[in-house]
N, C-alpha and C. Protein backbone atom coordinates (compact mmCIF):
# COMPACT_ATOMS: atom_id res chain seq x y z
N ASN A 1 -25.75 9.49 -25.32
CA ASN A 1 -25.28 10.13 -24.09
C ASN A 1 -25.78 11.58 -24.09
N LEU A 2 -26.60 11.93 -23.12
CA LEU A 2 -27.12 13.29 -22.99
C LEU A 2 -26.50 13.94 -21.76
N GLN A 3 -26.02 15.17 -21.91
CA GLN A 3 -25.40 15.88 -20.79
C GLN A 3 -25.95 17.29 -20.69
N TYR A 4 -26.00 17.80 -19.45
CA TYR A 4 -26.35 19.19 -19.22
C TYR A 4 -25.35 19.79 -18.23
N HIS A 5 -24.75 20.90 -18.62
CA HIS A 5 -23.81 21.62 -17.75
C HIS A 5 -24.40 23.00 -17.47
N LEU A 6 -24.59 23.30 -16.20
CA LEU A 6 -25.13 24.60 -15.83
C LEU A 6 -24.15 25.69 -16.23
N PRO A 7 -24.60 26.74 -16.91
CA PRO A 7 -23.69 27.81 -17.30
C PRO A 7 -23.01 28.45 -16.09
N ALA A 8 -21.76 28.82 -16.23
CA ALA A 8 -21.01 29.43 -15.14
C ALA A 8 -21.59 30.79 -14.77
N GLY A 9 -21.54 31.11 -13.49
CA GLY A 9 -21.95 32.42 -13.03
C GLY A 9 -23.41 32.55 -12.65
N LEU A 10 -24.21 31.52 -12.82
CA LEU A 10 -25.63 31.62 -12.49
C LEU A 10 -25.89 31.48 -10.99
N LEU A 11 -25.06 30.69 -10.29
CA LEU A 11 -25.25 30.44 -8.87
C LEU A 11 -24.13 31.07 -8.05
N PRO A 12 -24.39 31.44 -6.80
CA PRO A 12 -23.34 32.04 -5.96
C PRO A 12 -22.24 31.05 -5.61
N PHE A 13 -21.12 31.59 -5.14
CA PHE A 13 -19.96 30.80 -4.69
C PHE A 13 -19.35 29.97 -5.82
N GLY A 14 -19.54 30.39 -7.05
CA GLY A 14 -18.97 29.65 -8.17
C GLY A 14 -19.53 28.25 -8.32
N THR A 15 -20.75 28.04 -7.85
CA THR A 15 -21.35 26.71 -7.87
C THR A 15 -21.64 26.27 -9.31
N THR A 16 -21.28 25.03 -9.62
CA THR A 16 -21.56 24.44 -10.92
C THR A 16 -22.29 23.12 -10.74
N PHE A 17 -23.07 22.75 -11.75
CA PHE A 17 -23.84 21.50 -11.70
C PHE A 17 -23.79 20.84 -13.06
N LYS A 18 -23.62 19.50 -13.06
CA LYS A 18 -23.59 18.74 -14.30
C LYS A 18 -24.45 17.49 -14.13
N ALA A 19 -25.10 17.08 -15.21
CA ALA A 19 -25.91 15.87 -15.21
C ALA A 19 -25.71 15.15 -16.53
N ALA A 20 -25.75 13.81 -16.48
CA ALA A 20 -25.57 13.01 -17.69
C ALA A 20 -26.45 11.77 -17.62
N TYR A 21 -26.92 11.33 -18.80
CA TYR A 21 -27.76 10.14 -18.88
C TYR A 21 -27.39 9.39 -20.15
N ALA A 22 -27.23 8.07 -20.01
CA ALA A 22 -26.90 7.23 -21.17
C ALA A 22 -27.79 6.00 -21.15
N THR A 23 -28.23 5.56 -22.31
CA THR A 23 -29.09 4.39 -22.41
C THR A 23 -28.71 3.60 -23.65
N GLY A 24 -29.35 2.45 -23.82
CA GLY A 24 -29.13 1.67 -25.04
C GLY A 24 -28.02 0.65 -24.94
N SER A 25 -27.59 0.28 -23.71
CA SER A 25 -26.56 -0.75 -23.58
C SER A 25 -27.06 -2.07 -24.17
N GLN A 26 -26.19 -2.79 -24.85
CA GLN A 26 -26.58 -4.04 -25.49
C GLN A 26 -26.22 -5.22 -24.60
N SER A 27 -26.95 -6.31 -24.76
CA SER A 27 -26.68 -7.51 -23.97
C SER A 27 -25.92 -8.55 -24.76
N THR A 28 -25.48 -8.23 -25.97
CA THR A 28 -24.68 -9.16 -26.77
C THR A 28 -23.40 -8.49 -27.21
N MET A 29 -22.42 -9.30 -27.54
CA MET A 29 -21.11 -8.80 -27.94
C MET A 29 -20.73 -9.44 -29.27
N ASN A 30 -20.31 -8.64 -30.21
CA ASN A 30 -19.95 -9.14 -31.52
C ASN A 30 -18.48 -8.84 -31.81
N SER A 31 -17.84 -9.72 -32.57
CA SER A 31 -16.47 -9.48 -32.99
C SER A 31 -16.30 -10.02 -34.40
N ALA A 32 -15.16 -9.74 -35.00
CA ALA A 32 -14.95 -10.14 -36.39
C ALA A 32 -14.75 -11.64 -36.52
N ASN A 33 -14.32 -12.31 -35.46
CA ASN A 33 -14.00 -13.73 -35.58
C ASN A 33 -14.87 -14.61 -34.69
N ALA A 34 -16.02 -14.10 -34.24
CA ALA A 34 -16.89 -14.91 -33.39
C ALA A 34 -18.33 -14.47 -33.57
N THR A 35 -19.23 -15.40 -33.33
CA THR A 35 -20.64 -15.04 -33.39
C THR A 35 -21.02 -14.25 -32.15
N ALA A 36 -22.20 -13.66 -32.19
CA ALA A 36 -22.67 -12.88 -31.05
C ALA A 36 -22.71 -13.76 -29.80
N THR A 37 -22.20 -13.23 -28.71
CA THR A 37 -22.13 -13.97 -27.46
C THR A 37 -22.93 -13.25 -26.40
N SER A 38 -23.81 -13.97 -25.74
CA SER A 38 -24.63 -13.36 -24.71
C SER A 38 -23.77 -13.00 -23.51
N GLN A 39 -23.94 -11.79 -23.00
CA GLN A 39 -23.20 -11.34 -21.84
C GLN A 39 -24.08 -11.42 -20.60
N SER A 40 -23.43 -11.40 -19.44
CA SER A 40 -24.17 -11.34 -18.19
C SER A 40 -24.93 -10.02 -18.12
N ASP A 41 -26.15 -10.07 -17.59
CA ASP A 41 -26.90 -8.85 -17.40
C ASP A 41 -26.64 -8.31 -15.99
N GLY A 42 -25.43 -8.50 -15.50
CA GLY A 42 -25.07 -8.06 -14.16
C GLY A 42 -24.93 -6.57 -14.03
N PHE A 43 -25.09 -5.83 -15.09
CA PHE A 43 -25.01 -4.38 -15.03
C PHE A 43 -26.28 -3.77 -15.62
N GLY A 44 -26.55 -2.55 -15.23
CA GLY A 44 -27.76 -1.90 -15.70
C GLY A 44 -27.68 -1.52 -17.17
N GLN A 45 -28.84 -1.34 -17.77
CA GLN A 45 -28.90 -0.92 -19.15
C GLN A 45 -28.86 0.60 -19.30
N ASN A 46 -29.19 1.32 -18.24
CA ASN A 46 -29.20 2.78 -18.28
C ASN A 46 -28.25 3.31 -17.19
N ALA A 47 -27.62 4.44 -17.47
CA ALA A 47 -26.70 5.04 -16.50
C ALA A 47 -26.98 6.52 -16.38
N GLU A 48 -26.90 7.03 -15.16
CA GLU A 48 -27.08 8.46 -14.92
C GLU A 48 -26.08 8.92 -13.87
N GLN A 49 -25.64 10.16 -14.01
CA GLN A 49 -24.64 10.70 -13.08
C GLN A 49 -24.88 12.19 -12.88
N TYR A 50 -24.62 12.65 -11.65
CA TYR A 50 -24.80 14.04 -11.29
C TYR A 50 -23.58 14.52 -10.51
N GLN A 51 -23.22 15.78 -10.70
CA GLN A 51 -22.06 16.34 -10.00
C GLN A 51 -22.32 17.80 -9.66
N ILE A 52 -21.93 18.19 -8.45
CA ILE A 52 -22.05 19.58 -8.03
C ILE A 52 -20.75 20.00 -7.35
N THR A 53 -20.30 21.20 -7.64
CA THR A 53 -19.07 21.75 -7.09
C THR A 53 -19.32 23.18 -6.63
N THR A 54 -18.79 23.55 -5.47
CA THR A 54 -18.98 24.90 -4.96
C THR A 54 -17.78 25.33 -4.14
N SER A 55 -17.60 26.64 -3.99
CA SER A 55 -16.52 27.22 -3.20
C SER A 55 -17.11 28.28 -2.26
N PRO A 56 -17.63 27.86 -1.11
CA PRO A 56 -18.34 28.80 -0.23
C PRO A 56 -17.45 29.87 0.39
N ILE A 57 -16.16 29.56 0.60
CA ILE A 57 -15.22 30.56 1.10
C ILE A 57 -13.93 30.45 0.32
N GLU A 58 -13.12 31.48 0.39
CA GLU A 58 -11.86 31.48 -0.34
C GLU A 58 -10.97 30.34 0.12
N GLY A 59 -10.45 29.60 -0.83
CA GLY A 59 -9.55 28.49 -0.54
C GLY A 59 -10.24 27.16 -0.35
N LEU A 60 -11.56 27.16 -0.16
CA LEU A 60 -12.30 25.91 0.09
C LEU A 60 -13.08 25.50 -1.15
N LYS A 61 -12.94 24.25 -1.54
CA LYS A 61 -13.70 23.69 -2.66
C LYS A 61 -14.38 22.42 -2.18
N VAL A 62 -15.68 22.33 -2.40
CA VAL A 62 -16.47 21.18 -1.99
C VAL A 62 -17.16 20.60 -3.22
N SER A 63 -17.14 19.28 -3.36
CA SER A 63 -17.79 18.66 -4.51
C SER A 63 -18.48 17.36 -4.08
N ALA A 64 -19.49 16.98 -4.85
CA ALA A 64 -20.21 15.73 -4.61
C ALA A 64 -20.69 15.19 -5.94
N ASP A 65 -20.73 13.85 -6.05
CA ASP A 65 -21.24 13.25 -7.28
C ASP A 65 -21.99 11.97 -6.94
N TYR A 66 -22.90 11.59 -7.83
CA TYR A 66 -23.71 10.40 -7.64
C TYR A 66 -23.86 9.70 -8.99
N TYR A 67 -23.72 8.36 -8.99
CA TYR A 67 -23.81 7.55 -10.20
C TYR A 67 -24.75 6.37 -9.94
N ARG A 68 -25.57 6.04 -10.95
CA ARG A 68 -26.55 4.95 -10.78
C ARG A 68 -26.76 4.23 -12.09
N GLU A 69 -26.85 2.91 -12.02
CA GLU A 69 -27.22 2.09 -13.16
C GLU A 69 -28.57 1.43 -12.88
N SER A 70 -29.41 1.35 -13.89
CA SER A 70 -30.72 0.74 -13.72
C SER A 70 -31.09 -0.05 -14.97
N GLY A 71 -32.12 -0.88 -14.85
CA GLY A 71 -32.59 -1.62 -16.01
C GLY A 71 -31.97 -2.98 -16.19
N ALA A 72 -31.33 -3.53 -15.14
CA ALA A 72 -30.82 -4.90 -15.25
C ALA A 72 -31.99 -5.83 -15.52
N ALA A 73 -31.71 -6.91 -16.25
CA ALA A 73 -32.80 -7.69 -16.83
C ALA A 73 -33.65 -8.46 -15.82
N SER A 74 -33.08 -8.88 -14.68
CA SER A 74 -33.88 -9.80 -13.88
C SER A 74 -33.60 -9.72 -12.39
N PHE A 75 -34.65 -9.74 -11.59
CA PHE A 75 -34.63 -10.03 -10.16
C PHE A 75 -33.68 -9.14 -9.37
N VAL A 76 -33.78 -7.85 -9.53
CA VAL A 76 -32.86 -6.93 -8.86
C VAL A 76 -33.27 -6.71 -7.41
N VAL A 77 -32.35 -6.96 -6.50
CA VAL A 77 -32.55 -6.66 -5.09
C VAL A 77 -31.93 -5.31 -4.75
N GLN A 78 -30.76 -5.06 -5.30
CA GLN A 78 -30.05 -3.80 -5.07
C GLN A 78 -29.42 -3.35 -6.37
N GLU A 79 -29.76 -2.15 -6.85
CA GLU A 79 -29.17 -1.63 -8.06
C GLU A 79 -27.77 -1.08 -7.78
N TYR A 80 -26.97 -0.98 -8.83
CA TYR A 80 -25.62 -0.45 -8.69
C TYR A 80 -25.70 1.06 -8.47
N GLU A 81 -25.06 1.52 -7.38
CA GLU A 81 -25.01 2.94 -7.07
C GLU A 81 -23.62 3.28 -6.52
N ALA A 82 -23.20 4.51 -6.74
CA ALA A 82 -21.92 4.98 -6.19
C ALA A 82 -22.01 6.49 -6.00
N GLY A 83 -21.36 6.97 -4.96
CA GLY A 83 -21.36 8.40 -4.72
C GLY A 83 -20.15 8.82 -3.90
N SER A 84 -19.75 10.06 -4.06
CA SER A 84 -18.59 10.60 -3.35
C SER A 84 -18.86 12.02 -2.90
N ILE A 85 -18.20 12.40 -1.83
CA ILE A 85 -18.18 13.78 -1.39
C ILE A 85 -16.74 14.10 -1.03
N ALA A 86 -16.28 15.29 -1.42
CA ALA A 86 -14.87 15.64 -1.21
C ALA A 86 -14.75 17.13 -0.91
N ALA A 87 -13.70 17.47 -0.20
CA ALA A 87 -13.42 18.87 0.11
C ALA A 87 -11.91 19.07 0.14
N SER A 88 -11.48 20.23 -0.33
CA SER A 88 -10.06 20.60 -0.25
C SER A 88 -9.97 22.06 0.20
N TYR A 89 -8.93 22.34 0.98
CA TYR A 89 -8.76 23.70 1.51
C TYR A 89 -7.30 24.10 1.37
N ALA A 90 -7.07 25.22 0.70
CA ALA A 90 -5.72 25.75 0.50
C ALA A 90 -5.54 26.99 1.37
N MET A 91 -4.44 27.00 2.12
CA MET A 91 -4.15 28.12 3.01
C MET A 91 -2.66 28.41 2.93
N GLY A 92 -2.30 29.46 2.21
CA GLY A 92 -0.89 29.77 2.03
C GLY A 92 -0.18 28.63 1.31
N PRO A 93 0.94 28.16 1.86
CA PRO A 93 1.68 27.09 1.21
C PRO A 93 1.13 25.69 1.48
N ALA A 94 0.06 25.57 2.27
CA ALA A 94 -0.48 24.27 2.65
C ALA A 94 -1.82 24.01 1.97
N LYS A 95 -2.09 22.74 1.71
CA LYS A 95 -3.36 22.33 1.14
C LYS A 95 -3.77 21.01 1.76
N PHE A 96 -5.05 20.91 2.15
CA PHE A 96 -5.56 19.72 2.80
C PHE A 96 -6.77 19.20 2.02
N GLY A 97 -6.94 17.88 2.04
CA GLY A 97 -8.05 17.28 1.31
C GLY A 97 -8.65 16.11 2.07
N ILE A 98 -9.94 15.88 1.86
CA ILE A 98 -10.64 14.76 2.49
C ILE A 98 -11.74 14.31 1.54
N SER A 99 -12.00 13.00 1.50
CA SER A 99 -13.07 12.50 0.64
C SER A 99 -13.64 11.21 1.21
N ARG A 100 -14.87 10.93 0.85
CA ARG A 100 -15.55 9.70 1.26
C ARG A 100 -16.34 9.17 0.07
N THR A 101 -16.19 7.88 -0.23
CA THR A 101 -16.85 7.27 -1.36
C THR A 101 -17.60 6.01 -0.92
N LEU A 102 -18.83 5.88 -1.39
CA LEU A 102 -19.63 4.68 -1.14
C LEU A 102 -19.98 4.05 -2.48
N ARG A 103 -19.88 2.72 -2.55
CA ARG A 103 -20.25 2.01 -3.78
C ARG A 103 -21.03 0.76 -3.43
N ALA A 104 -22.23 0.66 -3.95
CA ALA A 104 -23.10 -0.49 -3.70
C ALA A 104 -23.22 -1.31 -4.98
N PRO A 105 -22.68 -2.54 -5.01
CA PRO A 105 -22.76 -3.37 -6.22
C PRO A 105 -24.20 -3.83 -6.48
N LEU A 106 -24.43 -4.24 -7.71
CA LEU A 106 -25.71 -4.83 -8.07
C LEU A 106 -25.88 -6.16 -7.34
N ILE A 107 -27.06 -6.38 -6.78
CA ILE A 107 -27.38 -7.65 -6.13
C ILE A 107 -28.70 -8.14 -6.71
N LYS A 108 -28.73 -9.42 -7.13
CA LYS A 108 -29.94 -9.98 -7.70
C LYS A 108 -30.38 -11.20 -6.89
N ALA A 109 -31.67 -11.48 -6.95
CA ALA A 109 -32.22 -12.68 -6.32
C ALA A 109 -32.13 -13.84 -7.30
N ALA A 110 -32.31 -15.05 -6.76
CA ALA A 110 -32.22 -16.24 -7.60
C ALA A 110 -33.42 -16.34 -8.55
N SER A 111 -34.56 -15.80 -8.15
CA SER A 111 -35.74 -15.83 -9.02
C SER A 111 -36.69 -14.73 -8.57
N ALA A 112 -37.75 -14.55 -9.31
CA ALA A 112 -38.71 -13.50 -8.99
C ALA A 112 -39.53 -13.84 -7.76
N THR A 113 -39.53 -15.10 -7.33
CA THR A 113 -40.37 -15.53 -6.22
C THR A 113 -39.59 -15.90 -4.98
N THR A 114 -38.31 -15.56 -4.94
CA THR A 114 -37.51 -15.89 -3.77
C THR A 114 -36.66 -14.70 -3.37
N THR A 115 -36.32 -14.62 -2.11
CA THR A 115 -35.46 -13.55 -1.61
C THR A 115 -34.02 -14.01 -1.45
N VAL A 116 -33.72 -15.24 -1.86
CA VAL A 116 -32.35 -15.74 -1.78
C VAL A 116 -31.49 -14.97 -2.76
N ILE A 117 -30.43 -14.37 -2.27
CA ILE A 117 -29.59 -13.53 -3.13
C ILE A 117 -28.60 -14.37 -3.91
N ASN A 118 -28.58 -14.17 -5.20
CA ASN A 118 -27.67 -14.91 -6.08
C ASN A 118 -26.37 -14.13 -6.18
N ASN A 119 -25.39 -14.45 -5.31
CA ASN A 119 -24.14 -13.71 -5.32
C ASN A 119 -22.93 -14.63 -5.42
N ALA A 120 -23.15 -15.85 -5.84
CA ALA A 120 -22.06 -16.82 -5.86
C ALA A 120 -21.34 -16.90 -7.19
N SER A 121 -21.79 -16.16 -8.19
CA SER A 121 -21.15 -16.22 -9.50
C SER A 121 -21.22 -14.86 -10.17
N THR A 122 -20.42 -14.69 -11.21
CA THR A 122 -20.43 -13.43 -11.94
C THR A 122 -21.77 -13.20 -12.62
N ALA A 123 -22.52 -14.27 -12.88
CA ALA A 123 -23.84 -14.11 -13.49
C ALA A 123 -24.78 -13.35 -12.57
N GLY A 124 -24.50 -13.39 -11.27
CA GLY A 124 -25.30 -12.65 -10.32
C GLY A 124 -24.87 -11.21 -10.20
N GLY A 125 -23.81 -10.84 -10.89
CA GLY A 125 -23.34 -9.46 -10.85
C GLY A 125 -22.64 -9.09 -9.56
N ASN A 126 -22.34 -10.04 -8.71
CA ASN A 126 -21.75 -9.73 -7.41
C ASN A 126 -20.91 -10.91 -6.93
N ALA A 127 -19.86 -11.21 -7.69
CA ALA A 127 -19.08 -12.42 -7.44
C ALA A 127 -18.45 -12.45 -6.07
N ASP A 128 -18.17 -11.29 -5.46
CA ASP A 128 -17.52 -11.25 -4.16
C ASP A 128 -18.52 -11.20 -3.01
N SER A 129 -19.79 -11.32 -3.28
CA SER A 129 -20.83 -11.31 -2.24
C SER A 129 -20.76 -10.05 -1.39
N VAL A 130 -20.53 -8.92 -2.01
CA VAL A 130 -20.34 -7.67 -1.28
C VAL A 130 -21.61 -6.82 -1.37
N ARG A 131 -22.00 -6.25 -0.23
CA ARG A 131 -23.15 -5.37 -0.17
C ARG A 131 -22.75 -3.91 -0.37
N LEU A 132 -21.58 -3.52 0.20
CA LEU A 132 -21.19 -2.11 0.18
C LEU A 132 -19.68 -1.97 0.34
N TYR A 133 -19.09 -1.05 -0.44
CA TYR A 133 -17.71 -0.63 -0.28
C TYR A 133 -17.70 0.81 0.26
N THR A 134 -16.86 1.07 1.25
CA THR A 134 -16.72 2.41 1.81
C THR A 134 -15.24 2.78 1.83
N SER A 135 -14.90 3.93 1.27
CA SER A 135 -13.50 4.39 1.23
C SER A 135 -13.41 5.81 1.77
N ASN A 136 -12.43 6.04 2.63
CA ASN A 136 -12.15 7.37 3.17
C ASN A 136 -10.70 7.72 2.87
N LYS A 137 -10.46 8.96 2.44
CA LYS A 137 -9.12 9.38 2.07
C LYS A 137 -8.82 10.75 2.65
N TYR A 138 -7.57 10.91 3.12
CA TYR A 138 -7.10 12.18 3.67
C TYR A 138 -5.75 12.51 3.04
N SER A 139 -5.49 13.79 2.81
CA SER A 139 -4.21 14.17 2.22
C SER A 139 -3.82 15.56 2.69
N ALA A 140 -2.51 15.80 2.68
CA ALA A 140 -1.98 17.11 3.04
C ALA A 140 -0.72 17.36 2.21
N ALA A 141 -0.57 18.60 1.74
CA ALA A 141 0.60 18.97 0.95
C ALA A 141 1.11 20.32 1.45
N PHE A 142 2.44 20.47 1.39
CA PHE A 142 3.04 21.70 1.91
C PHE A 142 4.23 22.08 1.05
N ASN A 143 4.24 23.34 0.59
CA ASN A 143 5.37 23.87 -0.15
C ASN A 143 6.34 24.50 0.85
N VAL A 144 7.42 23.80 1.13
CA VAL A 144 8.39 24.29 2.11
C VAL A 144 8.99 25.60 1.63
N ASN A 145 9.34 25.65 0.37
CA ASN A 145 9.80 26.89 -0.28
C ASN A 145 9.49 26.75 -1.77
N GLU A 146 10.01 27.65 -2.58
CA GLU A 146 9.68 27.62 -4.01
C GLU A 146 10.27 26.42 -4.73
N ASN A 147 11.17 25.69 -4.08
CA ASN A 147 11.80 24.54 -4.72
C ASN A 147 11.34 23.20 -4.15
N LEU A 148 11.03 23.16 -2.86
CA LEU A 148 10.76 21.89 -2.18
C LEU A 148 9.30 21.78 -1.77
N SER A 149 8.70 20.64 -2.07
CA SER A 149 7.32 20.37 -1.66
C SER A 149 7.24 18.95 -1.10
N VAL A 150 6.39 18.76 -0.11
CA VAL A 150 6.17 17.45 0.49
C VAL A 150 4.67 17.20 0.61
N SER A 151 4.27 15.95 0.59
CA SER A 151 2.86 15.62 0.71
C SER A 151 2.70 14.25 1.36
N TYR A 152 1.51 14.06 1.94
CA TYR A 152 1.20 12.79 2.62
C TYR A 152 -0.26 12.47 2.36
N GLU A 153 -0.56 11.20 2.16
CA GLU A 153 -1.94 10.78 1.96
C GLU A 153 -2.19 9.44 2.64
N MET A 154 -3.43 9.24 3.06
CA MET A 154 -3.82 8.00 3.71
C MET A 154 -5.23 7.63 3.25
N GLU A 155 -5.45 6.35 2.99
CA GLU A 155 -6.75 5.90 2.52
C GLU A 155 -7.10 4.57 3.20
N LYS A 156 -8.37 4.44 3.55
CA LYS A 156 -8.86 3.21 4.17
C LYS A 156 -10.11 2.76 3.44
N SER A 157 -10.17 1.47 3.08
CA SER A 157 -11.29 0.92 2.34
C SER A 157 -11.87 -0.27 3.09
N ASN A 158 -13.19 -0.26 3.26
CA ASN A 158 -13.89 -1.34 3.96
C ASN A 158 -14.94 -1.92 3.02
N ARG A 159 -15.09 -3.23 3.03
CA ARG A 159 -16.17 -3.83 2.27
C ARG A 159 -17.05 -4.66 3.22
N GLU A 160 -18.34 -4.47 3.04
CA GLU A 160 -19.33 -5.16 3.88
C GLU A 160 -19.95 -6.27 3.06
N LYS A 161 -19.73 -7.50 3.49
CA LYS A 161 -20.27 -8.64 2.77
C LYS A 161 -21.70 -8.95 3.23
N ILE A 162 -22.43 -9.63 2.38
CA ILE A 162 -23.80 -10.00 2.71
C ILE A 162 -23.80 -10.95 3.90
N ALA A 163 -22.88 -11.88 3.92
CA ALA A 163 -22.68 -12.75 5.07
C ALA A 163 -21.40 -12.32 5.76
N ASN A 164 -21.47 -11.95 7.03
CA ASN A 164 -20.29 -11.48 7.75
C ASN A 164 -19.22 -12.57 7.82
N GLU A 165 -17.99 -12.15 7.64
CA GLU A 165 -16.88 -13.08 7.69
C GLU A 165 -15.83 -12.57 8.67
N THR A 166 -15.35 -13.44 9.53
CA THR A 166 -14.36 -13.02 10.53
C THR A 166 -13.00 -12.75 9.90
N THR A 167 -12.78 -13.26 8.69
CA THR A 167 -11.49 -13.08 8.04
C THR A 167 -11.38 -11.75 7.28
N GLU A 168 -12.47 -10.99 7.26
CA GLU A 168 -12.47 -9.73 6.51
C GLU A 168 -11.55 -8.71 7.17
N SER A 169 -10.72 -8.03 6.37
CA SER A 169 -9.80 -7.01 6.88
C SER A 169 -9.87 -5.78 5.99
N ASP A 170 -9.81 -4.59 6.59
CA ASP A 170 -9.84 -3.35 5.83
C ASP A 170 -8.50 -3.12 5.13
N ILE A 171 -8.57 -2.55 3.93
CA ILE A 171 -7.36 -2.14 3.24
C ILE A 171 -6.95 -0.77 3.77
N GLU A 172 -5.69 -0.62 4.15
CA GLU A 172 -5.18 0.66 4.61
C GLU A 172 -3.92 0.99 3.81
N ALA A 173 -3.93 2.16 3.19
CA ALA A 173 -2.80 2.58 2.35
C ALA A 173 -2.35 3.98 2.75
N SER A 174 -1.04 4.19 2.73
CA SER A 174 -0.49 5.51 3.02
C SER A 174 0.74 5.73 2.15
N ALA A 175 1.04 7.00 1.89
CA ALA A 175 2.20 7.33 1.05
C ALA A 175 2.69 8.72 1.41
N ILE A 176 3.99 8.89 1.29
CA ILE A 176 4.61 10.20 1.50
C ILE A 176 5.49 10.49 0.30
N GLN A 177 5.43 11.74 -0.17
CA GLN A 177 6.19 12.14 -1.36
C GLN A 177 6.93 13.44 -1.09
N ALA A 178 8.02 13.60 -1.81
CA ALA A 178 8.77 14.86 -1.75
C ALA A 178 9.34 15.13 -3.14
N ALA A 179 9.36 16.41 -3.50
CA ALA A 179 9.90 16.81 -4.81
C ALA A 179 10.73 18.07 -4.64
N TYR A 180 11.88 18.10 -5.31
CA TYR A 180 12.77 19.26 -5.25
C TYR A 180 13.10 19.69 -6.67
N THR A 181 12.82 20.96 -6.96
CA THR A 181 13.08 21.50 -8.30
C THR A 181 14.27 22.43 -8.27
N MET A 182 15.17 22.21 -9.22
CA MET A 182 16.39 23.02 -9.31
C MET A 182 16.60 23.36 -10.78
N GLY A 183 16.21 24.56 -11.16
CA GLY A 183 16.28 24.92 -12.57
C GLY A 183 15.31 24.09 -13.37
N GLY A 184 15.81 23.40 -14.39
CA GLY A 184 14.95 22.55 -15.22
C GLY A 184 14.92 21.11 -14.77
N MET A 185 15.46 20.82 -13.58
CA MET A 185 15.50 19.44 -13.10
C MET A 185 14.66 19.30 -11.84
N THR A 186 13.92 18.20 -11.78
CA THR A 186 13.10 17.88 -10.61
C THR A 186 13.48 16.51 -10.09
N LEU A 187 13.80 16.44 -8.81
CA LEU A 187 14.08 15.17 -8.14
C LEU A 187 12.89 14.83 -7.26
N ALA A 188 12.39 13.61 -7.37
CA ALA A 188 11.20 13.22 -6.61
C ALA A 188 11.39 11.84 -6.00
N VAL A 189 10.81 11.65 -4.82
CA VAL A 189 10.84 10.35 -4.15
C VAL A 189 9.47 10.10 -3.53
N SER A 190 9.04 8.86 -3.57
CA SER A 190 7.74 8.48 -3.00
C SER A 190 7.87 7.13 -2.32
N HIS A 191 7.30 7.04 -1.13
CA HIS A 191 7.29 5.76 -0.41
C HIS A 191 5.86 5.46 0.02
N GLY A 192 5.36 4.30 -0.35
CA GLY A 192 3.99 3.94 -0.02
C GLY A 192 3.90 2.55 0.57
N LYS A 193 2.87 2.35 1.38
CA LYS A 193 2.63 1.05 2.00
C LYS A 193 1.14 0.76 1.98
N THR A 194 0.79 -0.48 1.63
CA THR A 194 -0.61 -0.90 1.62
C THR A 194 -0.74 -2.16 2.46
N ASP A 195 -1.60 -2.13 3.45
CA ASP A 195 -1.86 -3.28 4.31
C ASP A 195 -3.15 -3.98 3.90
N ASN A 196 -3.15 -5.29 4.00
CA ASN A 196 -4.33 -6.12 3.74
C ASN A 196 -4.84 -5.97 2.31
N VAL A 197 -3.93 -6.08 1.36
CA VAL A 197 -4.29 -6.00 -0.06
C VAL A 197 -5.34 -7.07 -0.37
N GLY A 198 -6.37 -6.68 -1.12
CA GLY A 198 -7.44 -7.61 -1.43
C GLY A 198 -8.30 -7.96 -0.24
N TYR A 199 -8.25 -7.12 0.80
CA TYR A 199 -8.99 -7.34 2.04
C TYR A 199 -8.57 -8.63 2.73
N THR A 200 -7.31 -9.02 2.52
CA THR A 200 -6.75 -10.23 3.13
C THR A 200 -5.75 -9.84 4.20
N ALA A 201 -5.94 -10.34 5.41
CA ALA A 201 -5.09 -9.98 6.54
C ALA A 201 -3.63 -10.32 6.27
N ASP A 202 -2.75 -9.40 6.63
CA ASP A 202 -1.29 -9.56 6.55
C ASP A 202 -0.77 -9.69 5.12
N ASN A 203 -1.58 -9.36 4.14
CA ASN A 203 -1.12 -9.33 2.75
C ASN A 203 -0.68 -7.89 2.46
N ASP A 204 0.55 -7.56 2.86
CA ASP A 204 1.04 -6.19 2.84
C ASP A 204 2.11 -5.99 1.77
N VAL A 205 2.16 -4.80 1.21
CA VAL A 205 3.18 -4.46 0.22
C VAL A 205 3.72 -3.06 0.50
N GLU A 206 4.98 -2.84 0.11
CA GLU A 206 5.61 -1.53 0.21
C GLU A 206 6.29 -1.21 -1.10
N GLN A 207 6.37 0.08 -1.43
CA GLN A 207 7.00 0.48 -2.69
C GLN A 207 7.66 1.84 -2.52
N THR A 208 8.88 1.94 -3.03
CA THR A 208 9.61 3.20 -3.02
C THR A 208 10.02 3.54 -4.46
N LEU A 209 9.73 4.77 -4.87
CA LEU A 209 10.03 5.21 -6.23
C LEU A 209 10.91 6.44 -6.22
N PHE A 210 11.87 6.47 -7.11
CA PHE A 210 12.71 7.64 -7.31
C PHE A 210 12.55 8.10 -8.75
N ALA A 211 12.49 9.40 -8.97
CA ALA A 211 12.31 9.91 -10.33
C ALA A 211 13.14 11.17 -10.51
N VAL A 212 13.70 11.30 -11.72
CA VAL A 212 14.44 12.48 -12.12
C VAL A 212 13.84 12.98 -13.43
N THR A 213 13.40 14.22 -13.46
CA THR A 213 12.83 14.82 -14.66
C THR A 213 13.65 16.03 -15.06
N MET A 214 14.04 16.09 -16.34
CA MET A 214 14.85 17.21 -16.81
C MET A 214 14.21 17.85 -18.02
N ALA A 215 14.17 19.18 -18.01
CA ALA A 215 13.62 19.93 -19.13
C ALA A 215 14.76 20.67 -19.84
N PHE A 216 14.76 20.57 -21.16
CA PHE A 216 15.83 21.20 -21.95
C PHE A 216 15.25 22.36 -22.76
C-alpha cells in the first residue's frame, strides 16, 4: 500500500490532497483447515483512491474522492469505480450538509468474443445485474441553546439495472434526532424511517431509539 499526503499549508484555502495505491491481491484463499480455494475474480487486483478537501470560505468545507479497481482477470466490460462529492456549511448554531455518491459495479462479458454481459451469478461480479448506484444525502443540525441540539437527515438511493425493471423502487430514508445535556447526563432520542428497503416497493421499516448517557 503506497500513500501520498500533500503537506499542509502548500495550497490556498487549506486545500489538502491524498492519493493511495495498492496491488498484489491474491486469487486464492488459504486457511488452517482447508486447502487453497479459488475465489471469484469479480474484483480488481489493483486499487487506487484519491481525495481532495478545501475550505474556500469560512464555514464551508468541500471534499471529493474517487476509488477504482482494475486488473480483473477476464472479459471486463465495466471496471469497479466509486466517487463522492460533499459539502458542509456552518453558520452560527446551524450546520448544513449535502453529498452525492456514485458507484459502478464490475461488469464482465461471457467471453472475449461476445458482448453478452455475464451478470447472473456472483462469478460475474455483479449478482444483482446493476449498472450504477446513485445516492444523495442532505442533513441539517441546529444548536437551540448550549444544552439542546436537534438534527435531521434524508437520503435517497437509486440503482440502475442493466435490464430495466418496472418493479424497481428507490430507497428513501430519513431520521430526526434530538439531544439534551444536563450536567454530566445526556438524554437523546432518534426516530428514523426507511422506505423500499432492498429496493423493494412497500418494504418499509421504522425505528425509534432512546439513550441516556451519564458521566461520573
